[in-house]
Amino acid sequence: MMNDVKPKRAYRSTRRAEQAAQTRRDIVMAAGLLFRDRGYTGVAMPVIAKEAGVGVETIYRAFGSKAGLFKAVIDAAVAGGASRAETPVEARPAIRAVIDEVDPRRQVERYAATQPGIHRRSGPLLRALSGAAATDPELKALWDEIESGRLVGQGRFVGMLAERGALRADLSVEEGRDGLWTLCSLAVYDMLVGTLGWTAERYQQWLTERLTGLLLPP
């Protein structure tokens, strides 16, 4: 009899975990739609809870705060969906393709190709965050956390080029990281695509050329 109990408990535990994960995805999806439509301050937690079909307390248990939920929504936008956000960054197909590429120029090209989609998906949310962060210390901390994470991640890419002997000899990893962080910023994307009306394709080509010149030897 004891042998029959453990599998049932394990099954129930796995099923509860799957249900909790799906509930979390549903909340992120509902919140994302509302945040994009109304901005951060224009959406109350009870409205999100109603849209997601859960209680407000469920959202707080899963994300801790409204700012925590907003970060999860941004993470999902960057990844291309709530389910994809659950996969480690290095295991996501587009990033895996960058890591596995052996030609440095193709590697930079593949990296640049990830940026238009990221900005298109996360841009509306990040713009709302940037505006709200001016008057909300918690959101200012979230903005700083996101930008710091971006700096760290892009430093890893430059460090990988250096480890493979592909980084320009006269460029330090830190200088390369800072340049990459600047060129790939939402601000630069907004100036070129939003203000000047560049297409995503033109922006991607420009970014590829600038990053190649910055990071790789002639």
Protein backbone atom coordinates (compact mmCIF):
# COMPACT_ATOMS: atom_id res chain seq x y z
CA MET A 1 0.00 0.00 0.00
CA MET A 2 2.81 2.40 0.82
CA ASN A 3 4.22 1.99 -2.68
CA ASP A 4 0.91 3.23 -4.13
CA VAL A 5 0.88 6.46 -2.07
CA LYS A 6 4.12 8.09 -3.21
CA PRO A 7 3.36 8.16 -6.97
CA LYS A 8 -0.07 9.69 -6.30
CA ARG A 9 1.46 12.38 -4.09
CA ALA A 10 4.13 13.09 -6.67
CA TYR A 11 1.50 13.34 -9.39
CA ARG A 12 -0.60 15.76 -7.34
CA SER A 13 2.47 17.83 -6.54
CA THR A 14 3.48 18.01 -10.19
CA ARG A 15 -0.04 18.89 -11.24
CA ARG A 16 -0.25 21.69 -8.66
CA ALA A 17 3.07 23.08 -9.86
CA GLU A 18 1.88 23.04 -13.48
CA GLN A 19 -1.37 24.74 -12.51
CA ALA A 20 0.52 27.40 -10.55
CA ALA A 21 2.84 28.02 -13.50
CA GLN A 22 -0.10 28.37 -15.87
CA THR A 23 -1.85 30.75 -13.47
CA ARG A 24 1.30 32.85 -13.38
CA ARG A 25 1.42 32.94 -17.19
CA ASP A 26 -2.25 33.94 -17.36
CA ILE A 27 -1.64 36.82 -14.94
CA VAL A 28 1.39 38.02 -16.89
CA MET A 29 -0.55 37.89 -20.17
CA ALA A 30 -3.53 39.77 -18.75
CA ALA A 31 -1.34 42.37 -17.05
CA GLY A 32 0.72 42.87 -20.19
CA LEU A 33 -2.34 43.71 -22.27
CA LEU A 34 -3.59 46.16 -19.66
CA PHE A 35 -0.23 47.84 -19.05
CA ARG A 36 0.29 48.35 -22.79
CA ASP A 37 -3.19 49.81 -23.17
CA ARG A 38 -3.37 51.99 -20.05
CA GLY A 39 0.16 52.43 -18.77
CA TYR A 40 1.47 51.45 -15.36
CA THR A 41 -0.39 53.95 -13.20
CA GLY A 42 -3.63 53.51 -15.14
CA VAL A 43 -4.10 49.89 -14.12
CA ALA A 44 -5.22 48.83 -10.65
CA MET A 45 -4.42 45.38 -9.27
CA PRO A 46 -8.11 44.39 -8.89
CA VAL A 47 -8.58 45.10 -12.62
CA ILE A 48 -5.66 42.82 -13.45
CA ALA A 49 -7.00 40.14 -11.13
CA LYS A 50 -10.44 40.27 -12.75
CA GLU A 51 -8.96 40.07 -16.25
CA ALA A 52 -6.80 37.10 -15.26
CA GLY A 53 -9.62 35.36 -13.40
CA VAL A 54 -7.81 35.21 -10.05
CA GLY A 55 -7.95 36.92 -6.68
CA VAL A 56 -5.74 39.93 -5.94
CA GLU A 57 -4.02 37.96 -3.19
CA THR A 58 -2.96 35.37 -5.77
CA ILE A 59 -1.10 38.06 -7.71
CA TYR A 60 0.68 39.33 -4.60
CA ARG A 61 1.68 35.78 -3.62
CA ALA A 62 3.12 35.16 -7.08
CA PHE A 63 4.85 38.50 -7.73
CA GLY A 64 5.15 40.29 -4.40
CA SER A 65 4.02 43.69 -5.65
CA LYS A 66 2.67 45.54 -8.64
CA ALA A 67 6.24 46.47 -9.57
CA GLY A 68 7.24 42.81 -9.35
CA LEU A 69 4.41 41.90 -11.71
CA PHE A 70 5.44 44.68 -14.08
CA LYS A 71 8.98 43.29 -14.18
CA ALA A 72 7.60 39.84 -15.01
CA VAL A 73 5.59 41.39 -17.85
CA ILE A 74 8.72 43.12 -19.21
CA ASP A 75 10.73 39.89 -18.92
CA ALA A 76 8.03 38.09 -20.89
CA ALA A 77 8.05 40.80 -23.56
CA VAL A 78 11.82 40.59 -23.94
CA ALA A 79 11.69 36.79 -24.16
CA GLY A 80 8.76 36.71 -26.57
CA GLY A 81 6.16 35.30 -24.19
CA ALA A 82 5.58 34.24 -20.59
CA SER A 83 6.44 30.61 -21.32
CA ARG A 84 9.69 31.56 -23.06
CA ALA A 85 10.65 33.76 -20.11
CA GLU A 86 10.75 30.62 -17.96
CA THR A 87 13.63 29.31 -20.09
CA PRO A 88 17.14 30.48 -19.12
CA VAL A 89 18.36 33.22 -21.47
CA GLU A 90 21.26 31.12 -22.79
CA ALA A 91 18.86 28.31 -23.74
CA ARG A 92 16.51 30.45 -25.83
CA PRO A 93 16.87 29.65 -29.56
CA ALA A 94 17.98 33.09 -30.77
CA ILE A 95 20.57 33.48 -28.02
CA ARG A 96 21.70 29.87 -28.39
CA ALA A 97 22.29 30.58 -32.08
CA VAL A 98 24.51 33.54 -31.13
CA ILE A 99 26.51 31.45 -28.67
CA ASP A 100 26.94 28.50 -31.04
CA GLU A 101 28.00 30.63 -34.02
CA VAL A 102 31.75 30.23 -34.66
CA ASP A 103 32.21 33.13 -37.11
CA PRO A 104 32.58 36.36 -35.06
CA ARG A 105 31.02 38.55 -37.75
CA ARG A 106 28.04 36.25 -38.07
CA GLN A 107 27.88 36.18 -34.29
CA VAL A 108 27.60 39.97 -34.09
CA GLU A 109 25.09 39.92 -36.93
CA ARG A 110 22.95 37.37 -35.11
CA TYR A 111 23.17 39.43 -31.91
CA ALA A 112 22.06 42.60 -33.70
CA ALA A 113 19.15 40.67 -35.23
CA THR A 114 17.69 40.05 -31.74
CA GLN A 115 17.34 43.75 -30.95
CA PRO A 116 14.49 45.03 -33.19
CA GLY A 117 12.07 42.42 -31.84
CA ILE A 118 13.06 43.05 -28.24
CA HIS A 119 12.48 46.79 -28.63
CA ARG A 120 9.23 46.30 -30.49
CA ARG A 121 7.82 44.00 -27.80
CA SER A 122 9.19 45.65 -24.65
CA GLY A 123 9.41 49.26 -25.81
CA PRO A 124 5.87 50.35 -24.84
CA LEU A 125 6.32 48.88 -21.38
CA LEU A 126 9.77 50.36 -20.82
CA ARG A 127 8.62 53.79 -21.95
CA ALA A 128 5.78 53.63 -19.44
CA LEU A 129 8.23 52.49 -16.76
CA SER A 130 10.67 55.29 -17.56
CA GLY A 131 7.95 57.90 -17.21
CA ALA A 132 6.54 56.49 -13.98
CA ALA A 133 10.01 55.98 -12.46
CA ALA A 134 10.48 59.75 -12.27
CA THR A 135 8.04 59.96 -9.37
CA ASP A 136 8.02 56.42 -7.91
CA PRO A 137 11.14 55.19 -6.05
CA GLU A 138 10.11 51.54 -6.41
CA LEU A 139 9.82 51.89 -10.17
CA LYS A 140 13.09 53.84 -10.30
CA ALA A 141 14.72 50.87 -8.58
CA LEU A 142 13.08 48.53 -11.11
CA TRP A 143 14.35 50.62 -14.03
CA ASP A 144 17.86 50.57 -12.56
CA GLU A 145 17.64 46.80 -12.04
CA ILE A 146 16.60 46.21 -15.65
CA GLU A 147 19.35 48.43 -17.05
CA SER A 148 21.95 46.85 -14.76
CA GLY A 149 20.84 43.41 -15.91
CA ARG A 150 21.14 44.50 -19.52
CA LEU A 151 24.66 45.78 -18.87
CA VAL A 152 25.67 42.48 -17.25
CA GLY A 153 24.18 40.41 -20.06
CA GLN A 154 25.84 42.44 -22.77
CA GLY A 155 29.10 42.27 -20.88
CA ARG A 156 28.86 38.48 -21.11
CA PHE A 157 28.59 38.69 -24.88
CA VAL A 158 31.66 40.91 -25.15
CA GLY A 159 33.49 38.68 -22.70
CA MET A 160 32.69 35.68 -24.88
CA LEU A 161 34.20 37.44 -27.90
CA ALA A 162 37.31 38.16 -25.85
CA GLU A 163 37.62 34.55 -24.66
CA ARG A 164 37.43 33.35 -28.25
CA GLY A 165 40.11 35.81 -29.34
CA ALA A 166 37.69 37.75 -31.53
CA LEU A 167 37.52 41.08 -29.67
CA ARG A 168 39.57 43.98 -31.02
CA ALA A 169 42.99 43.99 -29.37
CA ASP A 170 42.77 47.70 -28.47
CA LEU A 171 39.35 47.37 -26.82
CA SER A 172 38.81 46.26 -23.23
CA VAL A 173 35.82 44.11 -22.31
CA GLU A 174 34.47 46.98 -20.20
CA GLU A 175 34.72 49.49 -23.05
CA GLY A 176 33.10 47.04 -25.44
CA ARG A 177 30.34 46.30 -22.95
CA ASP A 178 29.60 49.99 -22.43
CA GLY A 179 29.49 50.64 -26.16
CA LEU A 180 27.22 47.67 -26.78
CA TRP A 181 24.93 48.73 -23.93
CA THR A 182 24.63 52.21 -25.45
CA LEU A 183 24.12 51.22 -29.07
CA CYS A 184 21.51 48.58 -28.18
CA SER A 185 19.53 50.87 -25.88
CA LEU A 186 15.85 51.64 -26.36
CA ALA A 187 16.79 55.34 -26.53
CA VAL A 188 18.88 54.80 -29.68
CA TYR A 189 16.17 52.61 -31.22
CA ASP A 190 13.55 55.27 -30.49
CA MET A 191 15.64 58.03 -32.04
CA LEU A 192 16.24 56.12 -35.25
CA VAL A 193 13.01 54.18 -35.70
CA GLY A 194 10.58 56.34 -33.75
CA THR A 195 11.83 59.85 -34.48
CA LEU A 196 13.60 59.48 -37.83
CA GLY A 197 11.23 56.85 -39.19
CA TRP A 198 13.80 54.17 -40.00
CA THR A 199 12.48 50.72 -40.76
CA ALA A 200 13.40 47.87 -38.43
CA GLU A 201 15.49 46.40 -41.24
CA ARG A 202 17.51 49.60 -41.68
CA TYR A 203 18.01 49.85 -37.92
CA GLN A 204 19.22 46.24 -37.76
CA GLN A 205 21.67 46.76 -40.61
CA TRP A 206 22.98 49.96 -39.03
CA LEU A 207 23.36 48.25 -35.67
CA THR A 208 25.18 45.31 -37.23
CA GLU A 209 27.66 47.66 -38.90
CA ARG A 210 28.22 49.76 -35.77
CA LEU A 211 28.71 46.73 -33.52
CA THR A 212 31.05 45.07 -35.99
CA GLY A 213 33.17 48.20 -36.16
CA LEU A 214 33.15 48.62 -32.39
CA LEU A 215 33.91 45.06 -31.33
CA LEU A 216 35.82 43.27 -34.10
CA PRO A 217 39.16 43.97 -35.78
CA PRO A 218 39.09 45.27 -39.38
